[in-house]
Amino acid sequence: MRPMTDYEQDLHEWLKDSENAAEYLNAAIEDGDKEVILLAMRRVAQASGGMAAVAERAHIKRENLYRALSKRGNPELKTLFNILHSMGLRLAILPEKSVQAH
């Protein structure tokens, strides 16, 4: 594993706080790009004790976690819920502010 840059180290420390991690993942979701979301999830997983620890808490194999969160990953919804739960996070659905009821 290559050494982290100062930016990556600062981000890693910031993401250890679950509120910051949630904000970071929500921003990635807002971006709408699957690769951005998966990268954000990998970074949060690293900050949440590392991939091996997250995989163990999510009750999945470490290799499957790496695969699910890779650039070409496509995790099942159950896997996504388990990963988020293992990092102390959950998925929530909120109404879009730009959508108005008729």
PDB file of N, CA and C in Angstrom:
ATOM      1  N   MET A   1       0.841  -1.174   0.000  1.00  0.00           N
ATOM      2  CA  MET A   1       0.000   0.000   0.000  1.00  0.00           C
ATOM      3  C   MET A   1       0.889   1.241   0.000  1.00  0.00           C
ATOM      4  N   ARG A   2       0.580   2.190  -0.837  1.00  0.00           N
ATOM      5  CA  ARG A   2       1.398   3.402  -0.922  1.00  0.00           C
ATOM      6  C   ARG A   2       1.106   4.321   0.260  1.00  0.00           C
ATOM      7  N   PRO A   3       2.075   5.158   0.625  1.00  0.00           N
ATOM      8  CA  PRO A   3       1.822   6.092   1.736  1.00  0.00           C
ATOM      9  C   PRO A   3       0.768   7.132   1.350  1.00  0.00           C
ATOM     10  N   MET A   4       0.010   7.589   2.338  1.00  0.00           N
ATOM     11  CA  MET A   4      -1.022   8.598   2.090  1.00  0.00           C
ATOM     12  C   MET A   4      -0.393   9.981   1.958  1.00  0.00           C
ATOM     13  N   THR A   5      -0.996  10.796   1.097  1.00  0.00           N
ATOM     14  CA  THR A   5      -0.598  12.191   1.012  1.00  0.00           C
ATOM     15  C   THR A   5      -1.142  12.916   2.244  1.00  0.00           C
ATOM     16  N   ASP A   6      -0.688  14.153   2.469  1.00  0.00           N
ATOM     17  CA  ASP A   6      -1.205  14.934   3.601  1.00  0.00           C
ATOM     18  C   ASP A   6      -2.719  15.085   3.487  1.00  0.00           C
ATOM     19  N   TYR A   7      -3.215  15.351   2.273  1.00  0.00           N
ATOM     20  CA  TYR A   7      -4.658  15.489   2.061  1.00  0.00           C
ATOM     21  C   TYR A   7      -5.380  14.201   2.448  1.00  0.00           C
ATOM     22  N   GLU A   8      -4.870  13.064   1.967  1.00  0.00           N
ATOM     23  CA  GLU A   8      -5.505  11.784   2.255  1.00  0.00           C
ATOM     24  C   GLU A   8      -5.482  11.480   3.758  1.00  0.00           C
ATOM     25  N   GLN A   9      -4.376  11.819   4.419  1.00  0.00           N
ATOM     26  CA  GLN A   9      -4.280  11.590   5.857  1.00  0.00           C
ATOM     27  C   GLN A   9      -5.287  12.462   6.606  1.00  0.00           C
ATOM     28  N   ASP A  10      -5.402  13.727   6.210  1.00  0.00           N
ATOM     29  CA  ASP A  10      -6.380  14.624   6.842  1.00  0.00           C
ATOM     30  C   ASP A  10      -7.802  14.127   6.603  1.00  0.00           C
ATOM     31  N   LEU A  11      -8.095  13.698   5.377  1.00  0.00           N
ATOM     32  CA  LEU A  11      -9.416  13.171   5.058  1.00  0.00           C
ATOM     33  C   LEU A  11      -9.694  11.916   5.873  1.00  0.00           C
ATOM     34  N   HIS A  12      -8.713  11.038   5.964  1.00  0.00           N
ATOM     35  CA  HIS A  12      -8.840   9.799   6.732  1.00  0.00           C
ATOM     36  C   HIS A  12      -9.213  10.112   8.184  1.00  0.00           C
ATOM     37  N   GLU A  13      -8.528  11.066   8.784  1.00  0.00           N
ATOM     38  CA  GLU A  13      -8.822  11.451  10.172  1.00  0.00           C
ATOM     39  C   GLU A  13     -10.217  12.058  10.286  1.00  0.00           C
ATOM     40  N   TRP A  14     -10.589  12.893   9.331  1.00  0.00           N
ATOM     41  CA  TRP A  14     -11.896  13.562   9.334  1.00  0.00           C
ATOM     42  C   TRP A  14     -13.021  12.541   9.202  1.00  0.00           C
ATOM     43  N   LEU A  15     -12.804  11.517   8.381  1.00  0.00           N
ATOM     44  CA  LEU A  15     -13.826  10.504   8.130  1.00  0.00           C
ATOM     45  C   LEU A  15     -14.023   9.539   9.296  1.00  0.00           C
ATOM     46  N   LYS A  16     -13.162   9.576  10.286  1.00  0.00           N
ATOM     47  CA  LYS A  16     -13.338   8.720  11.462  1.00  0.00           C
ATOM     48  C   LYS A  16     -14.574   9.116  12.255  1.00  0.00           C
ATOM     49  N   ASP A  17     -15.013  10.354  12.108  1.00  0.00           N
ATOM     50  CA  ASP A  17     -16.242  10.819  12.761  1.00  0.00           C
ATOM     51  C   ASP A  17     -17.424  10.405  11.891  1.00  0.00           C
ATOM     52  N   SER A  18     -18.398   9.703  12.477  1.00  0.00           N
ATOM     53  CA  SER A  18     -19.508   9.167  11.680  1.00  0.00           C
ATOM     54  C   SER A  18     -20.348  10.263  11.026  1.00  0.00           C
ATOM     55  N   GLU A  19     -20.483  11.415  11.664  1.00  0.00           N
ATOM     56  CA  GLU A  19     -21.246  12.508  11.031  1.00  0.00           C
ATOM     57  C   GLU A  19     -20.510  13.027   9.806  1.00  0.00           C
ATOM     58  N   ASN A  20     -19.197  13.145   9.893  1.00  0.00           N
ATOM     59  CA  ASN A  20     -18.411  13.565   8.734  1.00  0.00           C
ATOM     60  C   ASN A  20     -18.486  12.519   7.624  1.00  0.00           C
ATOM     61  N   ALA A  21     -18.405  11.250   8.009  1.00  0.00           N
ATOM     62  CA  ALA A  21     -18.485  10.165   7.024  1.00  0.00           C
ATOM     63  C   ALA A  21     -19.831  10.194   6.304  1.00  0.00           C
ATOM     64  N   ALA A  22     -20.906  10.422   7.063  1.00  0.00           N
ATOM     65  CA  ALA A  22     -22.238  10.490   6.454  1.00  0.00           C
ATOM     66  C   ALA A  22     -22.327  11.667   5.488  1.00  0.00           C
ATOM     67  N   GLU A  23     -21.800  12.806   5.882  1.00  0.00           N
ATOM     68  CA  GLU A  23     -21.807  13.998   5.019  1.00  0.00           C
ATOM     69  C   GLU A  23     -21.012  13.735   3.733  1.00  0.00           C
ATOM     70  N   TYR A  24     -19.866  13.097   3.875  1.00  0.00           N
ATOM     71  CA  TYR A  24     -18.995  12.782   2.748  1.00  0.00           C
ATOM     72  C   TYR A  24     -19.699  11.828   1.776  1.00  0.00           C
ATOM     73  N   LEU A  25     -20.337  10.781   2.309  1.00  0.00           N
ATOM     74  CA  LEU A  25     -21.044   9.828   1.449  1.00  0.00           C
ATOM     75  C   LEU A  25     -22.252  10.467   0.793  1.00  0.00           C
ATOM     76  N   ASN A  26     -22.962  11.316   1.508  1.00  0.00           N
ATOM     77  CA  ASN A  26     -24.107  12.010   0.903  1.00  0.00           C
ATOM     78  C   ASN A  26     -23.653  12.912  -0.241  1.00  0.00           C
ATOM     79  N   ALA A  27     -22.515  13.580  -0.074  1.00  0.00           N
ATOM     80  CA  ALA A  27     -21.984  14.419  -1.157  1.00  0.00           C
ATOM     81  C   ALA A  27     -21.625  13.557  -2.367  1.00  0.00           C
ATOM     82  N   ALA A  28     -21.066  12.387  -2.122  1.00  0.00           N
ATOM     83  CA  ALA A  28     -20.723  11.481  -3.229  1.00  0.00           C
ATOM     84  C   ALA A  28     -21.977  11.005  -3.938  1.00  0.00           C
ATOM     85  N   ILE A  29     -23.016  10.713  -3.171  1.00  0.00           N
ATOM     86  CA  ILE A  29     -24.282  10.278  -3.770  1.00  0.00           C
ATOM     87  C   ILE A  29     -24.891  11.404  -4.598  1.00  0.00           C
ATOM     88  N   GLU A  30     -24.819  12.624  -4.090  1.00  0.00           N
ATOM     89  CA  GLU A  30     -25.331  13.791  -4.834  1.00  0.00           C
ATOM     90  C   GLU A  30     -24.634  13.924  -6.176  1.00  0.00           C
ATOM     91  N   ASP A  31     -23.346  13.566  -6.229  1.00  0.00           N
ATOM     92  CA  ASP A  31     -22.587  13.639  -7.478  1.00  0.00           C
ATOM     93  C   ASP A  31     -23.215  12.735  -8.533  1.00  0.00           C
ATOM     94  N   GLY A  32     -23.758  11.597  -8.086  1.00  0.00           N
ATOM     95  CA  GLY A  32     -24.474  10.712  -9.000  1.00  0.00           C
ATOM     96  C   GLY A  32     -23.609   9.752  -9.794  1.00  0.00           C
ATOM     97  N   ASP A  33     -22.303   9.773  -9.597  1.00  0.00           N
ATOM     98  CA  ASP A  33     -21.399   8.900 -10.332  1.00  0.00           C
ATOM     99  C   ASP A  33     -21.075   7.687  -9.457  1.00  0.00           C
ATOM    100  N   LYS A  34     -21.374   6.491  -9.956  1.00  0.00           N
ATOM    101  CA  LYS A  34     -21.173   5.271  -9.184  1.00  0.00           C
ATOM    102  C   LYS A  34     -19.724   5.126  -8.720  1.00  0.00           C
ATOM    103  N   GLU A  35     -18.760   5.445  -9.578  1.00  0.00           N
ATOM    104  CA  GLU A  35     -17.350   5.321  -9.201  1.00  0.00           C
ATOM    105  C   GLU A  35     -17.003   6.251  -8.042  1.00  0.00           C
ATOM    106  N   VAL A  36     -17.581   7.445  -8.028  1.00  0.00           N
ATOM    107  CA  VAL A  36     -17.341   8.403  -6.944  1.00  0.00           C
ATOM    108  C   VAL A  36     -17.907   7.856  -5.633  1.00  0.00           C
ATOM    109  N   ILE A  37     -19.094   7.268  -5.694  1.00  0.00           N
ATOM    110  CA  ILE A  37     -19.734   6.707  -4.497  1.00  0.00           C
ATOM    111  C   ILE A  37     -18.899   5.552  -3.955  1.00  0.00           C
ATOM    112  N   LEU A  38     -18.455   4.663  -4.829  1.00  0.00           N
ATOM    113  CA  LEU A  38     -17.672   3.516  -4.388  1.00  0.00           C
ATOM    114  C   LEU A  38     -16.318   3.947  -3.819  1.00  0.00           C
ATOM    115  N   LEU A  39     -15.687   4.962  -4.423  1.00  0.00           N
ATOM    116  CA  LEU A  39     -14.434   5.497  -3.887  1.00  0.00           C
ATOM    117  C   LEU A  39     -14.671   6.085  -2.499  1.00  0.00           C
ATOM    118  N   ALA A  40     -15.751   6.830  -2.335  1.00  0.00           N
ATOM    119  CA  ALA A  40     -16.078   7.409  -1.034  1.00  0.00           C
ATOM    120  C   ALA A  40     -16.298   6.307  -0.005  1.00  0.00           C
ATOM    121  N   MET A  41     -16.975   5.246  -0.395  1.00  0.00           N
ATOM    122  CA  MET A  41     -17.203   4.136   0.531  1.00  0.00           C
ATOM    123  C   MET A  41     -15.894   3.454   0.908  1.00  0.00           C
ATOM    124  N   ARG A  42     -14.969   3.315  -0.054  1.00  0.00           N
ATOM    125  CA  ARG A  42     -13.657   2.726   0.259  1.00  0.00           C
ATOM    126  C   ARG A  42     -12.919   3.605   1.265  1.00  0.00           C
ATOM    127  N   ARG A  43     -12.961   4.913   1.066  1.00  0.00           N
ATOM    128  CA  ARG A  43     -12.270   5.828   1.978  1.00  0.00           C
ATOM    129  C   ARG A  43     -12.880   5.790   3.376  1.00  0.00           C
ATOM    130  N   VAL A  44     -14.202   5.728   3.457  1.00  0.00           N
ATOM    131  CA  VAL A  44     -14.858   5.648   4.761  1.00  0.00           C
ATOM    132  C   VAL A  44     -14.526   4.307   5.418  1.00  0.00           C
ATOM    133  N   ALA A  45     -14.495   3.240   4.642  1.00  0.00           N
ATOM    134  CA  ALA A  45     -14.143   1.930   5.193  1.00  0.00           C
ATOM    135  C   ALA A  45     -12.729   1.944   5.767  1.00  0.00           C
ATOM    136  N   GLN A  46     -11.800   2.546   5.041  1.00  0.00           N
ATOM    137  CA  GLN A  46     -10.424   2.646   5.542  1.00  0.00           C
ATOM    138  C   GLN A  46     -10.381   3.406   6.867  1.00  0.00           C
ATOM    139  N   ALA A  47     -11.156   4.474   6.955  1.00  0.00           N
ATOM    140  CA  ALA A  47     -11.187   5.283   8.171  1.00  0.00           C
ATOM    141  C   ALA A  47     -11.948   4.598   9.304  1.00  0.00           C
ATOM    142  N   SER A  48     -12.753   3.601   8.964  1.00  0.00           N
ATOM    143  CA  SER A  48     -13.564   2.878   9.956  1.00  0.00           C
ATOM    144  C   SER A  48     -12.868   1.625  10.447  1.00  0.00           C
ATOM    145  N   GLY A  49     -11.570   1.611  10.396  1.00  0.00           N
ATOM    146  CA  GLY A  49     -10.811   0.474  10.908  1.00  0.00           C
ATOM    147  C   GLY A  49     -10.131  -0.353   9.839  1.00  0.00           C
ATOM    148  N   GLY A  50     -10.354  -0.017   8.586  1.00  0.00           N
ATOM    149  CA  GLY A  50      -9.728  -0.750   7.490  1.00  0.00           C
ATOM    150  C   GLY A  50     -10.672  -1.760   6.863  1.00  0.00           C
ATOM    151  N   MET A  51     -10.318  -2.181   5.680  1.00  0.00           N
ATOM    152  CA  MET A  51     -11.184  -3.067   4.907  1.00  0.00           C
ATOM    153  C   MET A  51     -11.403  -4.403   5.609  1.00  0.00           C
ATOM    154  N   ALA A  52     -10.372  -4.975   6.218  1.00  0.00           N
ATOM    155  CA  ALA A  52     -10.526  -6.273   6.876  1.00  0.00           C
ATOM    156  C   ALA A  52     -11.500  -6.166   8.046  1.00  0.00           C
ATOM    157  N   ALA A  53     -11.386  -5.114   8.839  1.00  0.00           N
ATOM    158  CA  ALA A  53     -12.273  -4.932   9.992  1.00  0.00           C
ATOM    159  C   ALA A  53     -13.713  -4.695   9.546  1.00  0.00           C
ATOM    160  N   VAL A  54     -13.906  -3.881   8.508  1.00  0.00           N
ATOM    161  CA  VAL A  54     -15.253  -3.615   7.991  1.00  0.00           C
ATOM    162  C   VAL A  54     -15.858  -4.897   7.436  1.00  0.00           C
ATOM    163  N   ALA A  55     -15.068  -5.661   6.701  1.00  0.00           N
ATOM    164  CA  ALA A  55     -15.561  -6.929   6.138  1.00  0.00           C
ATOM    165  C   ALA A  55     -15.993  -7.872   7.258  1.00  0.00           C
ATOM    166  N   GLU A  56     -15.196  -7.964   8.296  1.00  0.00           N
ATOM    167  CA  GLU A  56     -15.547  -8.852   9.420  1.00  0.00           C
ATOM    168  C   GLU A  56     -16.846  -8.403  10.083  1.00  0.00           C
ATOM    169  N   ARG A  57     -16.979  -7.100  10.341  1.00  0.00           N
ATOM    170  CA  ARG A  57     -18.187  -6.594  10.986  1.00  0.00           C
ATOM    171  C   ARG A  57     -19.409  -6.728  10.074  1.00  0.00           C
ATOM    172  N   ALA A  58     -19.189  -6.666   8.753  1.00  0.00           N
ATOM    173  CA  ALA A  58     -20.290  -6.783   7.784  1.00  0.00           C
ATOM    174  C   ALA A  58     -20.611  -8.246   7.465  1.00  0.00           C
ATOM    175  N   HIS A  59     -19.824  -9.167   8.019  1.00  0.00           N
ATOM    176  CA  HIS A  59     -20.013 -10.606   7.800  1.00  0.00           C
ATOM    177  C   HIS A  59     -19.883 -10.980   6.319  1.00  0.00           C
ATOM    178  N   ILE A  60     -18.875 -10.372   5.681  1.00  0.00           N
ATOM    179  CA  ILE A  60     -18.548 -10.740   4.300  1.00  0.00           C
ATOM    180  C   ILE A  60     -17.044 -10.965   4.208  1.00  0.00           C
ATOM    181  N   LYS A  61     -16.622 -11.691   3.198  1.00  0.00           N
ATOM    182  CA  LYS A  61     -15.195 -11.926   3.001  1.00  0.00           C
ATOM    183  C   LYS A  61     -14.532 -10.625   2.557  1.00  0.00           C
ATOM    184  N   ARG A  62     -13.299 -10.448   3.032  1.00  0.00           N
ATOM    185  CA  ARG A  62     -12.545  -9.234   2.699  1.00  0.00           C
ATOM    186  C   ARG A  62     -12.434  -9.056   1.186  1.00  0.00           C
ATOM    187  N   GLU A  63     -12.188 -10.147   0.473  1.00  0.00           N
ATOM    188  CA  GLU A  63     -12.059 -10.076  -0.985  1.00  0.00           C
ATOM    189  C   GLU A  63     -13.368  -9.598  -1.622  1.00  0.00           C
ATOM    190  N   ASN A  64     -14.498 -10.045  -1.061  1.00  0.00           N
ATOM    191  CA  ASN A  64     -15.797  -9.610  -1.588  1.00  0.00           C
ATOM    192  C   ASN A  64     -16.033  -8.128  -1.326  1.00  0.00           C
ATOM    193  N   LEU A  65     -15.547  -7.634  -0.181  1.00  0.00           N
ATOM    194  CA  LEU A  65     -15.667  -6.202   0.102  1.00  0.00           C
ATOM    195  C   LEU A  65     -14.846  -5.398  -0.897  1.00  0.00           C
ATOM    196  N   TYR A  66     -13.602  -5.818  -1.126  1.00  0.00           N
ATOM    197  CA  TYR A  66     -12.774  -5.129  -2.122  1.00  0.00           C
ATOM    198  C   TYR A  66     -13.457  -5.139  -3.489  1.00  0.00           C
ATOM    199  N   ARG A  67     -14.010  -6.275  -3.877  1.00  0.00           N
ATOM    200  CA  ARG A  67     -14.677  -6.391  -5.176  1.00  0.00           C
ATOM    201  C   ARG A  67     -15.912  -5.488  -5.242  1.00  0.00           C
ATOM    202  N   ALA A  68     -16.722  -5.504  -4.168  1.00  0.00           N
ATOM    203  CA  ALA A  68     -17.954  -4.710  -4.149  1.00  0.00           C
ATOM    204  C   ALA A  68     -17.671  -3.220  -4.246  1.00  0.00           C
ATOM    205  N   LEU A  69     -16.574  -2.778  -3.630  1.00  0.00           N
ATOM    206  CA  LEU A  69     -16.266  -1.346  -3.610  1.00  0.00           C
ATOM    207  C   LEU A  69     -15.223  -0.938  -4.643  1.00  0.00           C
ATOM    208  N   SER A  70     -14.883  -1.836  -5.556  1.00  0.00           N
ATOM    209  CA  SER A  70     -13.918  -1.498  -6.605  1.00  0.00           C
ATOM    210  C   SER A  70     -14.566  -0.556  -7.621  1.00  0.00           C
ATOM    211  N   LYS A  71     -13.761  -0.009  -8.507  1.00  0.00           N
ATOM    212  CA  LYS A  71     -14.286   0.908  -9.532  1.00  0.00           C
ATOM    213  C   LYS A  71     -15.418   0.280 -10.335  1.00  0.00           C
ATOM    214  N   ARG A  72     -15.308  -1.005 -10.583  1.00  0.00           N
ATOM    215  CA  ARG A  72     -16.331  -1.697 -11.369  1.00  0.00           C
ATOM    216  C   ARG A  72     -17.298  -2.474 -10.487  1.00  0.00           C
ATOM    217  N   GLY A  73     -17.245  -2.215  -9.185  1.00  0.00           N
ATOM    218  CA  GLY A  73     -18.110  -2.919  -8.243  1.00  0.00           C
ATOM    219  C   GLY A  73     -19.580  -2.598  -8.464  1.00  0.00           C
ATOM    220  N   ASN A  74     -20.403  -3.531  -8.044  1.00  0.00           N
ATOM    221  CA  ASN A  74     -21.847  -3.357  -8.147  1.00  0.00           C
ATOM    222  C   ASN A  74     -22.485  -4.128  -6.983  1.00  0.00           C
ATOM    223  N   PRO A  75     -22.303  -3.589  -5.757  1.00  0.00           N
ATOM    224  CA  PRO A  75     -22.769  -4.344  -4.593  1.00  0.00           C
ATOM    225  C   PRO A  75     -24.283  -4.503  -4.569  1.00  0.00           C
ATOM    226  N   GLU A  76     -24.720  -5.670  -4.089  1.00  0.00           N
ATOM    227  CA  GLU A  76     -26.142  -5.886  -3.892  1.00  0.00           C
ATOM    228  C   GLU A  76     -26.609  -4.975  -2.759  1.00  0.00           C
ATOM    229  N   LEU A  77     -27.892  -4.699  -2.721  1.00  0.00           N
ATOM    230  CA  LEU A  77     -28.446  -3.822  -1.700  1.00  0.00           C
ATOM    231  C   LEU A  77     -28.169  -4.359  -0.294  1.00  0.00           C
ATOM    232  N   LYS A  78     -28.322  -5.656  -0.104  1.00  0.00           N
ATOM    233  CA  LYS A  78     -28.055  -6.264   1.199  1.00  0.00           C
ATOM    234  C   LYS A  78     -26.599  -6.044   1.600  1.00  0.00           C
ATOM    235  N   THR A  79     -25.684  -6.223   0.670  1.00  0.00           N
ATOM    236  CA  THR A  79     -24.264  -6.009   0.942  1.00  0.00           C
ATOM    237  C   THR A  79     -24.017  -4.552   1.304  1.00  0.00           C
ATOM    238  N   LEU A  80     -24.624  -3.643   0.561  1.00  0.00           N
ATOM    239  CA  LEU A  80     -24.485  -2.216   0.838  1.00  0.00           C
ATOM    240  C   LEU A  80     -24.979  -1.892   2.248  1.00  0.00           C
ATOM    241  N   PHE A  81     -26.145  -2.413   2.618  1.00  0.00           N
ATOM    242  CA  PHE A  81     -26.667  -2.194   3.972  1.00  0.00           C
ATOM    243  C   PHE A  81     -25.705  -2.737   5.026  1.00  0.00           C
ATOM    244  N   ASN A  82     -25.182  -3.940   4.806  1.00  0.00           N
ATOM    245  CA  ASN A  82     -24.255  -4.543   5.768  1.00  0.00           C
ATOM    246  C   ASN A  82     -22.968  -3.736   5.901  1.00  0.00           C
ATOM    247  N   ILE A  83     -22.445  -3.258   4.793  1.00  0.00           N
ATOM    248  CA  ILE A  83     -21.218  -2.452   4.821  1.00  0.00           C
ATOM    249  C   ILE A  83     -21.466  -1.161   5.591  1.00  0.00           C
ATOM    250  N   LEU A  84     -22.539  -0.463   5.241  1.00  0.00           N
ATOM    251  CA  LEU A  84     -22.849   0.794   5.931  1.00  0.00           C
ATOM    252  C   LEU A  84     -23.060   0.558   7.424  1.00  0.00           C
ATOM    253  N   HIS A  85     -23.815  -0.473   7.763  1.00  0.00           N
ATOM    254  CA  HIS A  85     -24.077  -0.777   9.172  1.00  0.00           C
ATOM    255  C   HIS A  85     -22.768  -1.052   9.922  1.00  0.00           C
ATOM    256  N   SER A  86     -21.850  -1.766   9.279  1.00  0.00           N
ATOM    257  CA  SER A  86     -20.573  -2.096   9.917  1.00  0.00           C
ATOM    258  C   SER A  86     -19.726  -0.855  10.170  1.00  0.00           C
ATOM    259  N   MET A  87     -20.023   0.238   9.455  1.00  0.00           N
ATOM    260  CA  MET A  87     -19.295   1.491   9.636  1.00  0.00           C
ATOM    261  C   MET A  87     -20.078   2.468  10.514  1.00  0.00           C
ATOM    262  N   GLY A  88     -21.176   1.984  11.104  1.00  0.00           N
ATOM    263  CA  GLY A  88     -21.982   2.830  11.978  1.00  0.00           C
ATOM    264  C   GLY A  88     -22.865   3.809  11.224  1.00  0.00           C
ATOM    265  N   LEU A  89     -23.208   3.460   9.982  1.00  0.00           N
ATOM    266  CA  LEU A  89     -24.014   4.335   9.138  1.00  0.00           C
ATOM    267  C   LEU A  89     -25.244   3.577   8.649  1.00  0.00           C
ATOM    268  N   ARG A  90     -26.206   4.316   8.099  1.00  0.00           N
ATOM    269  CA  ARG A  90     -27.387   3.689   7.512  1.00  0.00           C
ATOM    270  C   ARG A  90     -27.805   4.493   6.295  1.00  0.00           C
ATOM    271  N   LEU A  91     -28.588   3.861   5.450  1.00  0.00           N
ATOM    272  CA  LEU A  91     -29.096   4.487   4.237  1.00  0.00           C
ATOM    273  C   LEU A  91     -30.456   5.081   4.544  1.00  0.00           C
ATOM    274  N   ALA A  92     -30.708   6.292   4.071  1.00  0.00           N
ATOM    275  CA  ALA A  92     -32.006   6.942   4.275  1.00  0.00           C
ATOM    276  C   ALA A  92     -32.463   7.543   2.954  1.00  0.00           C
ATOM    277  N   ILE A  93     -33.754   7.583   2.764  1.00  0.00           N
ATOM    278  CA  ILE A  93     -34.343   8.179   1.571  1.00  0.00           C
ATOM    279  C   ILE A  93     -35.010   9.482   1.991  1.00  0.00           C
ATOM    280  N   LEU A  94     -34.681  10.550   1.297  1.00  0.00           N
ATOM    281  CA  LEU A  94     -35.259  11.865   1.585  1.00  0.00           C
ATOM    282  C   LEU A  94     -35.869  12.429   0.316  1.00  0.00           C
ATOM    283  N   PRO A  95     -36.890  13.272   0.450  1.00  0.00           N
ATOM    284  CA  PRO A  95     -37.465  13.881  -0.747  1.00  0.00           C
ATOM    285  C   PRO A  95     -36.485  14.881  -1.362  1.00  0.00           C
ATOM    286  N   GLU A  96     -36.495  14.945  -2.660  1.00  0.00           N
ATOM    287  CA  GLU A  96     -35.672  15.950  -3.339  1.00  0.00           C
ATOM    288  C   GLU A  96     -36.290  17.313  -3.093  1.00  0.00           C
ATOM    289  N   LYS A  97     -35.471  18.283  -2.811  1.00  0.00           N
ATOM    290  CA  LYS A  97     -35.974  19.638  -2.553  1.00  0.00           C
ATOM    291  C   LYS A  97     -36.534  20.287  -3.814  1.00  0.00           C
ATOM    292  N   SER A  98     -36.013  19.870  -4.962  1.00  0.00           N
ATOM    293  CA  SER A  98     -36.449  20.494  -6.203  1.00  0.00           C
ATOM    294  C   SER A  98     -37.776  19.945  -6.724  1.00  0.00           C
ATOM    295  N   VAL A  99     -38.212  18.816  -6.198  1.00  0.00           N
ATOM    296  CA  VAL A  99     -39.466  18.213  -6.629  1.00  0.00           C
ATOM    297  C   VAL A  99     -40.590  18.773  -5.767  1.00  0.00           C
ATOM    298  N   GLN A 100     -41.627  19.294  -6.434  1.00  0.00           N
ATOM    299  CA  GLN A 100     -42.763  19.841  -5.683  1.00  0.00           C
ATOM    300  C   GLN A 100     -43.998  19.012  -5.983  1.00  0.00           C
ATOM    301  N   ALA A 101     -44.785  18.783  -4.950  1.00  0.00           N
ATOM    302  CA  ALA A 101     -46.025  18.013  -5.104  1.00  0.00           C
ATOM    303  C   ALA A 101     -47.023  18.801  -5.922  1.00  0.00           C
ATOM    304  N   HIS A 102     -47.819  18.093  -6.680  1.00  0.00           N
ATOM    305  CA  HIS A 102     -48.858  18.756  -7.486  1.00  0.00           C
ATOM    306  C   HIS A 102     -50.114  18.925  -6.714  1.00  0.00           C
TER     307      HIS A 102
END
